[in-house]
């Protein structure tokens, strides 16, 4: 299955967001064209929201206490992506 082209939108909102506390895993879908037709490929972004004074910022660094939350939101995102891709394969 060869990729022909990818459609990218710079302002692509997440398809699904999983959140525990200040840790989130966002699932993004990207449609690509293949020899067999268009398919959606998903990717996951994990980040932590925090305040720096009055500013809200985001980071992909986690301390030891935050790792279980990061692992859990990743597991939730993994399950979502697996189900979404299984539906595509099963039709």
PDB file of N, CA and C in Angstrom:
ATOM      1  N   UNK A   1       0.837  -1.160   0.000  1.00  0.00           N
ATOM      2  CA  UNK A   1       0.000   0.000   0.000  1.00  0.00           C
ATOM      3  C   UNK A   1       0.890   1.235   0.000  1.00  0.00           C
ATOM      4  N   UNK A   2       1.090   1.846  -1.121  1.00  0.00           N
ATOM      5  CA  UNK A   2       1.977   3.007  -1.240  1.00  0.00           C
ATOM      6  C   UNK A   2       1.212   4.288  -0.976  1.00  0.00           C
ATOM      7  N   UNK A   3       1.839   5.188  -0.236  1.00  0.00           N
ATOM      8  CA  UNK A   3       1.222   6.474   0.041  1.00  0.00           C
ATOM      9  C   UNK A   3       1.417   7.387  -1.159  1.00  0.00           C
ATOM     10  N   UNK A   4       0.344   8.048  -1.580  1.00  0.00           N
ATOM     11  CA  UNK A   4       0.440   8.997  -2.679  1.00  0.00           C
ATOM     12  C   UNK A   4       0.627  10.412  -2.146  1.00  0.00           C
ATOM     13  N   UNK A   5      -0.239  10.815  -1.220  1.00  0.00           N
ATOM     14  CA  UNK A   5      -0.133  12.159  -0.674  1.00  0.00           C
ATOM     15  C   UNK A   5      -0.791  12.208   0.688  1.00  0.00           C
ATOM     16  N   UNK A   6      -0.426  13.211   1.454  1.00  0.00           N
ATOM     17  CA  UNK A   6      -1.022  13.414   2.771  1.00  0.00           C
ATOM     18  C   UNK A   6      -1.695  14.766   2.804  1.00  0.00           C
ATOM     19  N   UNK A   7      -2.896  14.801   3.351  1.00  0.00           N
ATOM     20  CA  UNK A   7      -3.600  16.069   3.523  1.00  0.00           C
ATOM     21  C   UNK A   7      -3.334  16.543   4.944  1.00  0.00           C
ATOM     22  N   UNK A   8      -2.694  17.671   5.089  1.00  0.00           N
ATOM     23  CA  UNK A   8      -2.366  18.202   6.405  1.00  0.00           C
ATOM     24  C   UNK A   8      -3.063  19.536   6.591  1.00  0.00           C
ATOM     25  N   UNK A   9      -3.653  19.713   7.734  1.00  0.00           N
ATOM     26  CA  UNK A   9      -4.279  20.967   8.103  1.00  0.00           C
ATOM     27  C   UNK A   9      -3.549  21.473   9.333  1.00  0.00           C
ATOM     28  N   UNK A  10      -2.918  22.637   9.239  1.00  0.00           N
ATOM     29  CA  UNK A  10      -2.135  23.164  10.347  1.00  0.00           C
ATOM     30  C   UNK A  10      -2.950  23.416  11.593  1.00  0.00           C
ATOM     31  N   UNK A  11      -4.265  23.555  11.472  1.00  0.00           N
ATOM     32  CA  UNK A  11      -5.120  23.811  12.616  1.00  0.00           C
ATOM     33  C   UNK A  11      -6.064  22.633  12.830  1.00  0.00           C
ATOM     34  N   UNK A  12      -5.537  21.444  12.786  1.00  0.00           N
ATOM     35  CA  UNK A  12      -6.301  20.214  12.903  1.00  0.00           C
ATOM     36  C   UNK A  12      -6.641  19.959  14.373  1.00  0.00           C
ATOM     37  N   UNK A  13      -7.927  20.045  14.774  1.00  0.00           N
ATOM     38  CA  UNK A  13      -8.269  19.779  16.176  1.00  0.00           C
ATOM     39  C   UNK A  13      -8.139  18.292  16.485  1.00  0.00           C
ATOM     40  N   UNK A  14      -7.938  17.947  17.759  1.00  0.00           N
ATOM     41  CA  UNK A  14      -7.845  16.532  18.098  1.00  0.00           C
ATOM     42  C   UNK A  14      -9.169  15.814  17.862  1.00  0.00           C
ATOM     43  N   UNK A  15      -9.053  14.552  17.484  1.00  0.00           N
ATOM     44  CA  UNK A  15     -10.216  13.689  17.285  1.00  0.00           C
ATOM     45  C   UNK A  15     -10.795  13.276  18.639  1.00  0.00           C
ATOM     46  N   UNK A  16      -9.912  13.100  19.618  1.00  0.00           N
ATOM     47  CA  UNK A  16     -10.316  12.659  20.959  1.00  0.00           C
ATOM     48  C   UNK A  16      -9.242  13.101  21.944  1.00  0.00           C
ATOM     49  N   UNK A  17      -9.655  13.486  23.161  1.00  0.00           N
ATOM     50  CA  UNK A  17      -8.707  13.890  24.203  1.00  0.00           C
ATOM     51  C   UNK A  17      -9.017  13.096  25.471  1.00  0.00           C
ATOM     52  N   UNK A  18      -7.970  12.531  26.064  1.00  0.00           N
ATOM     53  CA  UNK A  18      -8.076  11.823  27.337  1.00  0.00           C
ATOM     54  C   UNK A  18      -7.324  12.639  28.378  1.00  0.00           C
ATOM     55  N   UNK A  19      -7.956  12.867  29.546  1.00  0.00           N
ATOM     56  CA  UNK A  19      -7.356  13.751  30.540  1.00  0.00           C
ATOM     57  C   UNK A  19      -7.457  13.128  31.927  1.00  0.00           C
ATOM     58  N   UNK A  20      -6.354  13.175  32.650  1.00  0.00           N
ATOM     59  CA  UNK A  20      -6.327  12.838  34.073  1.00  0.00           C
ATOM     60  C   UNK A  20      -5.534  13.951  34.748  1.00  0.00           C
ATOM     61  N   UNK A  21      -6.212  14.705  35.596  1.00  0.00           N
ATOM     62  CA  UNK A  21      -5.541  15.840  36.234  1.00  0.00           C
ATOM     63  C   UNK A  21      -5.098  16.839  35.182  1.00  0.00           C
ATOM     64  N   UNK A  22      -3.817  17.166  35.192  1.00  0.00           N
ATOM     65  CA  UNK A  22      -3.274  18.127  34.240  1.00  0.00           C
ATOM     66  C   UNK A  22      -2.581  17.452  33.049  1.00  0.00           C
ATOM     67  N   UNK A  23      -2.668  16.121  32.974  1.00  0.00           N
ATOM     68  CA  UNK A  23      -2.025  15.357  31.908  1.00  0.00           C
ATOM     69  C   UNK A  23      -3.070  14.999  30.859  1.00  0.00           C
ATOM     70  N   UNK A  24      -2.747  15.247  29.576  1.00  0.00           N
ATOM     71  CA  UNK A  24      -3.668  14.898  28.498  1.00  0.00           C
ATOM     72  C   UNK A  24      -2.955  14.115  27.407  1.00  0.00           C
ATOM     73  N   UNK A  25      -3.720  13.238  26.769  1.00  0.00           N
ATOM     74  CA  UNK A  25      -3.278  12.551  25.557  1.00  0.00           C
ATOM     75  C   UNK A  25      -4.297  12.906  24.488  1.00  0.00           C
ATOM     76  N   UNK A  26      -3.846  13.548  23.421  1.00  0.00           N
ATOM     77  CA  UNK A  26      -4.718  13.967  22.330  1.00  0.00           C
ATOM     78  C   UNK A  26      -4.453  13.098  21.108  1.00  0.00           C
ATOM     79  N   UNK A  27      -5.527  12.594  20.516  1.00  0.00           N
ATOM     80  CA  UNK A  27      -5.428  11.752  19.326  1.00  0.00           C
ATOM     81  C   UNK A  27      -5.775  12.602  18.113  1.00  0.00           C
ATOM     82  N   UNK A  28      -4.875  12.612  17.139  1.00  0.00           N
ATOM     83  CA  UNK A  28      -5.073  13.367  15.906  1.00  0.00           C
ATOM     84  C   UNK A  28      -5.180  12.399  14.739  1.00  0.00           C
ATOM     85  N   UNK A  29      -6.137  12.654  13.862  1.00  0.00           N
ATOM     86  CA  UNK A  29      -6.289  11.851  12.656  1.00  0.00           C
ATOM     87  C   UNK A  29      -5.791  12.623  11.450  1.00  0.00           C
ATOM     88  N   UNK A  30      -5.033  11.950  10.613  1.00  0.00           N
ATOM     89  CA  UNK A  30      -4.498  12.543   9.392  1.00  0.00           C
ATOM     90  C   UNK A  30      -4.908  11.651   8.226  1.00  0.00           C
ATOM     91  N   UNK A  31      -5.649  12.220   7.287  1.00  0.00           N
ATOM     92  CA  UNK A  31      -6.077  11.439   6.130  1.00  0.00           C
ATOM     93  C   UNK A  31      -4.959  11.401   5.102  1.00  0.00           C
ATOM     94  N   UNK A  32      -4.669  10.211   4.630  1.00  0.00           N
ATOM     95  CA  UNK A  32      -3.669  10.047   3.575  1.00  0.00           C
ATOM     96  C   UNK A  32      -4.289   9.277   2.417  1.00  0.00           C
ATOM     97  N   UNK A  33      -3.783   9.533   1.240  1.00  0.00           N
ATOM     98  CA  UNK A  33      -4.232   8.818   0.049  1.00  0.00           C
ATOM     99  C   UNK A  33      -3.301   7.641  -0.197  1.00  0.00           C
ATOM    100  N   UNK A  34      -3.883   6.493  -0.458  1.00  0.00           N
ATOM    101  CA  UNK A  34      -3.108   5.296  -0.793  1.00  0.00           C
ATOM    102  C   UNK A  34      -3.586   4.776  -2.140  1.00  0.00           C
ATOM    103  N   UNK A  35      -2.914   3.768  -2.635  1.00  0.00           N
ATOM    104  CA  UNK A  35      -3.339   3.137  -3.892  1.00  0.00           C
ATOM    105  C   UNK A  35      -4.746   2.549  -3.762  1.00  0.00           C
ATOM    106  N   UNK A  36      -5.129   2.159  -2.542  1.00  0.00           N
ATOM    107  CA  UNK A  36      -6.443   1.567  -2.302  1.00  0.00           C
ATOM    108  C   UNK A  36      -7.495   2.605  -1.911  1.00  0.00           C
ATOM    109  N   UNK A  37      -7.128   3.873  -1.808  1.00  0.00           N
ATOM    110  CA  UNK A  37      -8.066   4.925  -1.424  1.00  0.00           C
ATOM    111  C   UNK A  37      -7.616   5.617  -0.149  1.00  0.00           C
ATOM    112  N   UNK A  38      -8.399   6.590   0.325  1.00  0.00           N
ATOM    113  CA  UNK A  38      -8.002   7.346   1.520  1.00  0.00           C
ATOM    114  C   UNK A  38      -8.138   6.518   2.794  1.00  0.00           C
ATOM    115  N   UNK A  39      -7.201   6.718   3.709  1.00  0.00           N
ATOM    116  CA  UNK A  39      -7.275   6.111   5.041  1.00  0.00           C
ATOM    117  C   UNK A  39      -6.887   7.171   6.066  1.00  0.00           C
ATOM    118  N   UNK A  40      -7.281   6.949   7.307  1.00  0.00           N
ATOM    119  CA  UNK A  40      -6.919   7.851   8.391  1.00  0.00           C
ATOM    120  C   UNK A  40      -5.836   7.207   9.234  1.00  0.00           C
ATOM    121  N   UNK A  41      -4.734   7.920   9.394  1.00  0.00           N
ATOM    122  CA  UNK A  41      -3.631   7.489  10.250  1.00  0.00           C
ATOM    123  C   UNK A  41      -3.690   8.360  11.494  1.00  0.00           C
ATOM    124  N   UNK A  42      -3.584   7.753  12.657  1.00  0.00           N
ATOM    125  CA  UNK A  42      -3.695   8.488  13.908  1.00  0.00           C
ATOM    126  C   UNK A  42      -2.353   8.589  14.622  1.00  0.00           C
ATOM    127  N   UNK A  43      -2.175   9.728  15.313  1.00  0.00           N
ATOM    128  CA  UNK A  43      -0.992   9.929  16.157  1.00  0.00           C
ATOM    129  C   UNK A  43      -1.467  10.463  17.506  1.00  0.00           C
ATOM    130  N   UNK A  44      -0.619  10.315  18.516  1.00  0.00           N
ATOM    131  CA  UNK A  44      -0.984  10.722  19.874  1.00  0.00           C
ATOM    132  C   UNK A  44       0.060  11.686  20.409  1.00  0.00           C
ATOM    133  N   UNK A  45      -0.421  12.771  21.015  1.00  0.00           N
ATOM    134  CA  UNK A  45       0.435  13.761  21.652  1.00  0.00           C
ATOM    135  C   UNK A  45       0.118  13.761  23.140  1.00  0.00           C
ATOM    136  N   UNK A  46       1.149  13.664  23.990  1.00  0.00           N
ATOM    137  CA  UNK A  46       0.967  13.672  25.446  1.00  0.00           C
ATOM    138  C   UNK A  46       1.609  14.927  25.999  1.00  0.00           C
ATOM    139  N   UNK A  47       0.873  15.625  26.868  1.00  0.00           N
ATOM    140  CA  UNK A  47       1.433  16.839  27.455  1.00  0.00           C
ATOM    141  C   UNK A  47       0.835  17.118  28.830  1.00  0.00           C
ATOM    142  N   UNK A  48       1.509  18.009  29.540  1.00  0.00           N
ATOM    143  CA  UNK A  48       1.074  18.446  30.864  1.00  0.00           C
ATOM    144  C   UNK A  48       0.849  19.958  30.810  1.00  0.00           C
ATOM    145  N   UNK A  49      -0.259  20.407  31.395  1.00  0.00           N
ATOM    146  CA  UNK A  49      -0.568  21.826  31.487  1.00  0.00           C
ATOM    147  C   UNK A  49      -0.108  22.321  32.856  1.00  0.00           C
ATOM    148  N   UNK A  50       0.508  23.510  32.882  1.00  0.00           N
ATOM    149  CA  UNK A  50       0.927  24.102  34.153  1.00  0.00           C
ATOM    150  C   UNK A  50       0.897  25.617  34.042  1.00  0.00           C
ATOM    151  N   UNK A  51       0.917  26.267  35.191  1.00  0.00           N
ATOM    152  CA  UNK A  51       0.923  27.732  35.216  1.00  0.00           C
ATOM    153  C   UNK A  51       2.309  28.225  35.569  1.00  0.00           C
ATOM    154  N   UNK A  52       2.741  29.256  34.859  1.00  0.00           N
ATOM    155  CA  UNK A  52       3.991  29.956  35.128  1.00  0.00           C
ATOM    156  C   UNK A  52       3.589  31.406  35.393  1.00  0.00           C
ATOM    157  N   UNK A  53       3.375  31.728  36.669  1.00  0.00           N
ATOM    158  CA  UNK A  53       2.806  33.027  37.008  1.00  0.00           C
ATOM    159  C   UNK A  53       1.357  33.050  36.560  1.00  0.00           C
ATOM    160  N   UNK A  54       1.014  33.992  35.703  1.00  0.00           N
ATOM    161  CA  UNK A  54      -0.343  34.076  35.155  1.00  0.00           C
ATOM    162  C   UNK A  54      -0.476  33.333  33.827  1.00  0.00           C
ATOM    163  N   UNK A  55       0.637  32.895  33.259  1.00  0.00           N
ATOM    164  CA  UNK A  55       0.625  32.239  31.950  1.00  0.00           C
ATOM    165  C   UNK A  55       0.388  30.743  32.080  1.00  0.00           C
ATOM    166  N   UNK A  56      -0.445  30.207  31.198  1.00  0.00           N
ATOM    167  CA  UNK A  56      -0.645  28.756  31.097  1.00  0.00           C
ATOM    168  C   UNK A  56       0.316  28.243  30.041  1.00  0.00           C
ATOM    169  N   UNK A  57       1.084  27.204  30.405  1.00  0.00           N
ATOM    170  CA  UNK A  57       2.063  26.630  29.484  1.00  0.00           C
ATOM    171  C   UNK A  57       1.874  25.119  29.415  1.00  0.00           C
ATOM    172  N   UNK A  58       2.545  24.515  28.441  1.00  0.00           N
ATOM    173  CA  UNK A  58       2.454  23.068  28.232  1.00  0.00           C
ATOM    174  C   UNK A  58       3.856  22.499  28.082  1.00  0.00           C
ATOM    175  N   UNK A  59       4.024  21.283  28.582  1.00  0.00           N
ATOM    176  CA  UNK A  59       5.313  20.600  28.469  1.00  0.00           C
ATOM    177  C   UNK A  59       5.085  19.112  28.234  1.00  0.00           C
ATOM    178  N   UNK A  60       6.095  18.464  27.711  1.00  0.00           N
ATOM    179  CA  UNK A  60       6.039  17.006  27.545  1.00  0.00           C
ATOM    180  C   UNK A  60       6.973  16.321  28.532  1.00  0.00           C
ATOM    181  N   UNK A  61       7.361  17.042  29.587  1.00  0.00           N
ATOM    182  CA  UNK A  61       8.201  16.476  30.655  1.00  0.00           C
ATOM    183  C   UNK A  61       7.333  16.165  31.862  1.00  0.00           C
ATOM    184  N   UNK A  62       7.607  15.023  32.491  1.00  0.00           N
ATOM    185  CA  UNK A  62       6.807  14.574  33.625  1.00  0.00           C
ATOM    186  C   UNK A  62       7.727  14.170  34.761  1.00  0.00           C
ATOM    187  N   UNK A  63       7.322  14.497  36.000  1.00  0.00           N
ATOM    188  CA  UNK A  63       8.101  14.031  37.145  1.00  0.00           C
ATOM    189  C   UNK A  63       7.605  12.653  37.558  1.00  0.00           C
ATOM    190  N   UNK A  64       8.263  12.062  38.521  1.00  0.00           N
ATOM    191  CA  UNK A  64       7.956  10.690  38.930  1.00  0.00           C
ATOM    192  C   UNK A  64       6.502  10.533  39.353  1.00  0.00           C
ATOM    193  N   UNK A  65       5.958  11.494  40.081  1.00  0.00           N
ATOM    194  CA  UNK A  65       4.576  11.402  40.554  1.00  0.00           C
ATOM    195  C   UNK A  65       3.562  11.500  39.412  1.00  0.00           C
ATOM    196  N   UNK A  66       3.936  12.117  38.297  1.00  0.00           N
ATOM    197  CA  UNK A  66       3.019  12.301  37.165  1.00  0.00           C
ATOM    198  C   UNK A  66       3.068  11.148  36.161  1.00  0.00           C
ATOM    199  N   UNK A  67       4.089  10.319  36.252  1.00  0.00           N
ATOM    200  CA  UNK A  67       4.236   9.231  35.275  1.00  0.00           C
ATOM    201  C   UNK A  67       3.047   8.268  35.236  1.00  0.00           C
ATOM    202  N   UNK A  68       2.469   7.871  36.394  1.00  0.00           N
ATOM    203  CA  UNK A  68       1.309   6.973  36.297  1.00  0.00           C
ATOM    204  C   UNK A  68       0.139   7.584  35.523  1.00  0.00           C
ATOM    205  N   UNK A  69      -0.083   8.886  35.680  1.00  0.00           N
ATOM    206  CA  UNK A  69      -1.151   9.545  34.930  1.00  0.00           C
ATOM    207  C   UNK A  69      -0.822   9.571  33.441  1.00  0.00           C
ATOM    208  N   UNK A  70       0.434   9.845  33.107  1.00  0.00           N
ATOM    209  CA  UNK A  70       0.852   9.865  31.706  1.00  0.00           C
ATOM    210  C   UNK A  70       0.688   8.484  31.077  1.00  0.00           C
ATOM    211  N   UNK A  71       1.087   7.452  31.802  1.00  0.00           N
ATOM    212  CA  UNK A  71       0.943   6.083  31.303  1.00  0.00           C
ATOM    213  C   UNK A  71      -0.526   5.752  31.086  1.00  0.00           C
ATOM    214  N   UNK A  72      -1.381   6.137  32.025  1.00  0.00           N
ATOM    215  CA  UNK A  72      -2.805   5.802  31.926  1.00  0.00           C
ATOM    216  C   UNK A  72      -3.475   6.503  30.752  1.00  0.00           C
ATOM    217  N   UNK A  73      -3.199   7.812  30.543  1.00  0.00           N
ATOM    218  CA  UNK A  73      -3.829   8.482  29.397  1.00  0.00           C
ATOM    219  C   UNK A  73      -3.318   7.903  28.083  1.00  0.00           C
ATOM    220  N   UNK A  74      -2.050   7.463  28.054  1.00  0.00           N
ATOM    221  CA  UNK A  74      -1.525   6.795  26.857  1.00  0.00           C
ATOM    222  C   UNK A  74      -2.231   5.467  26.617  1.00  0.00           C
ATOM    223  N   UNK A  75      -2.507   4.712  27.686  1.00  0.00           N
ATOM    224  CA  UNK A  75      -3.231   3.449  27.540  1.00  0.00           C
ATOM    225  C   UNK A  75      -4.641   3.698  27.003  1.00  0.00           C
ATOM    226  N   UNK A  76      -5.295   4.735  27.512  1.00  0.00           N
ATOM    227  CA  UNK A  76      -6.635   5.075  27.036  1.00  0.00           C
ATOM    228  C   UNK A  76      -6.602   5.461  25.560  1.00  0.00           C
ATOM    229  N   UNK A  77      -5.614   6.250  25.174  1.00  0.00           N
ATOM    230  CA  UNK A  77      -5.469   6.655  23.773  1.00  0.00           C
ATOM    231  C   UNK A  77      -5.171   5.441  22.898  1.00  0.00           C
ATOM    232  N   UNK A  78      -4.324   4.548  23.387  1.00  0.00           N
ATOM    233  CA  UNK A  78      -3.994   3.341  22.630  1.00  0.00           C
ATOM    234  C   UNK A  78      -5.252   2.521  22.363  1.00  0.00           C
ATOM    235  N   UNK A  79      -6.086   2.325  23.373  1.00  0.00           N
ATOM    236  CA  UNK A  79      -7.324   1.574  23.197  1.00  0.00           C
ATOM    237  C   UNK A  79      -8.243   2.225  22.180  1.00  0.00           C
ATOM    238  N   UNK A  80      -8.338   3.539  22.229  1.00  0.00           N
ATOM    239  CA  UNK A  80      -9.175   4.268  21.272  1.00  0.00           C
ATOM    240  C   UNK A  80      -8.671   4.074  19.844  1.00  0.00           C
ATOM    241  N   UNK A  81      -7.360   4.236  19.651  1.00  0.00           N
ATOM    242  CA  UNK A  81      -6.781   4.099  18.308  1.00  0.00           C
ATOM    243  C   UNK A  81      -6.944   2.665  17.807  1.00  0.00           C
ATOM    244  N   UNK A  82      -6.718   1.691  18.674  1.00  0.00           N
ATOM    245  CA  UNK A  82      -6.892   0.288  18.269  1.00  0.00           C
ATOM    246  C   UNK A  82      -8.325   0.027  17.828  1.00  0.00           C
ATOM    247  N   UNK A  83      -9.313   0.520  18.582  1.00  0.00           N
ATOM    248  CA  UNK A  83     -10.716   0.310  18.210  1.00  0.00           C
ATOM    249  C   UNK A  83     -11.050   1.018  16.903  1.00  0.00           C
ATOM    250  N   UNK A  84     -10.559   2.253  16.740  1.00  0.00           N
ATOM    251  CA  UNK A  84     -10.834   3.014  15.515  1.00  0.00           C
ATOM    252  C   UNK A  84     -10.239   2.331  14.299  1.00  0.00           C
ATOM    253  N   UNK A  85      -9.027   1.832  14.425  1.00  0.00           N
ATOM    254  CA  UNK A  85      -8.378   1.182  13.285  1.00  0.00           C
ATOM    255  C   UNK A  85      -8.972  -0.193  13.028  1.00  0.00           C
ATOM    256  N   UNK A  86      -9.442  -0.880  14.058  1.00  0.00           N
ATOM    257  CA  UNK A  86     -10.101  -2.179  13.862  1.00  0.00           C
ATOM    258  C   UNK A  86     -11.406  -1.988  13.106  1.00  0.00           C
ATOM    259  N   UNK A  87     -12.138  -0.894  13.386  1.00  0.00           N
ATOM    260  CA  UNK A  87     -13.386  -0.621  12.676  1.00  0.00           C
ATOM    261  C   UNK A  87     -13.112  -0.391  11.190  1.00  0.00           C
ATOM    262  N   UNK A  88     -12.007   0.253  10.879  1.00  0.00           N
ATOM    263  CA  UNK A  88     -11.657   0.503   9.475  1.00  0.00           C
ATOM    264  C   UNK A  88     -11.361  -0.820   8.776  1.00  0.00           C
ATOM    265  N   UNK A  89     -10.600  -1.675   9.425  1.00  0.00           N
ATOM    266  CA  UNK A  89     -10.220  -2.956   8.822  1.00  0.00           C
ATOM    267  C   UNK A  89     -11.449  -3.865   8.673  1.00  0.00           C
ATOM    268  N   UNK A  90     -12.306  -3.866   9.717  1.00  0.00           N
ATOM    269  CA  UNK A  90     -13.479  -4.724   9.669  1.00  0.00           C
ATOM    270  C   UNK A  90     -14.593  -4.135   8.825  1.00  0.00           C
ATOM    271  N   UNK A  91     -14.526  -2.834   8.590  1.00  0.00           N
ATOM    272  CA  UNK A  91     -15.513  -2.175   7.743  1.00  0.00           C
ATOM    273  C   UNK A  91     -16.764  -1.883   8.474  1.00  0.00           C
TER     274      UNK A  91
END
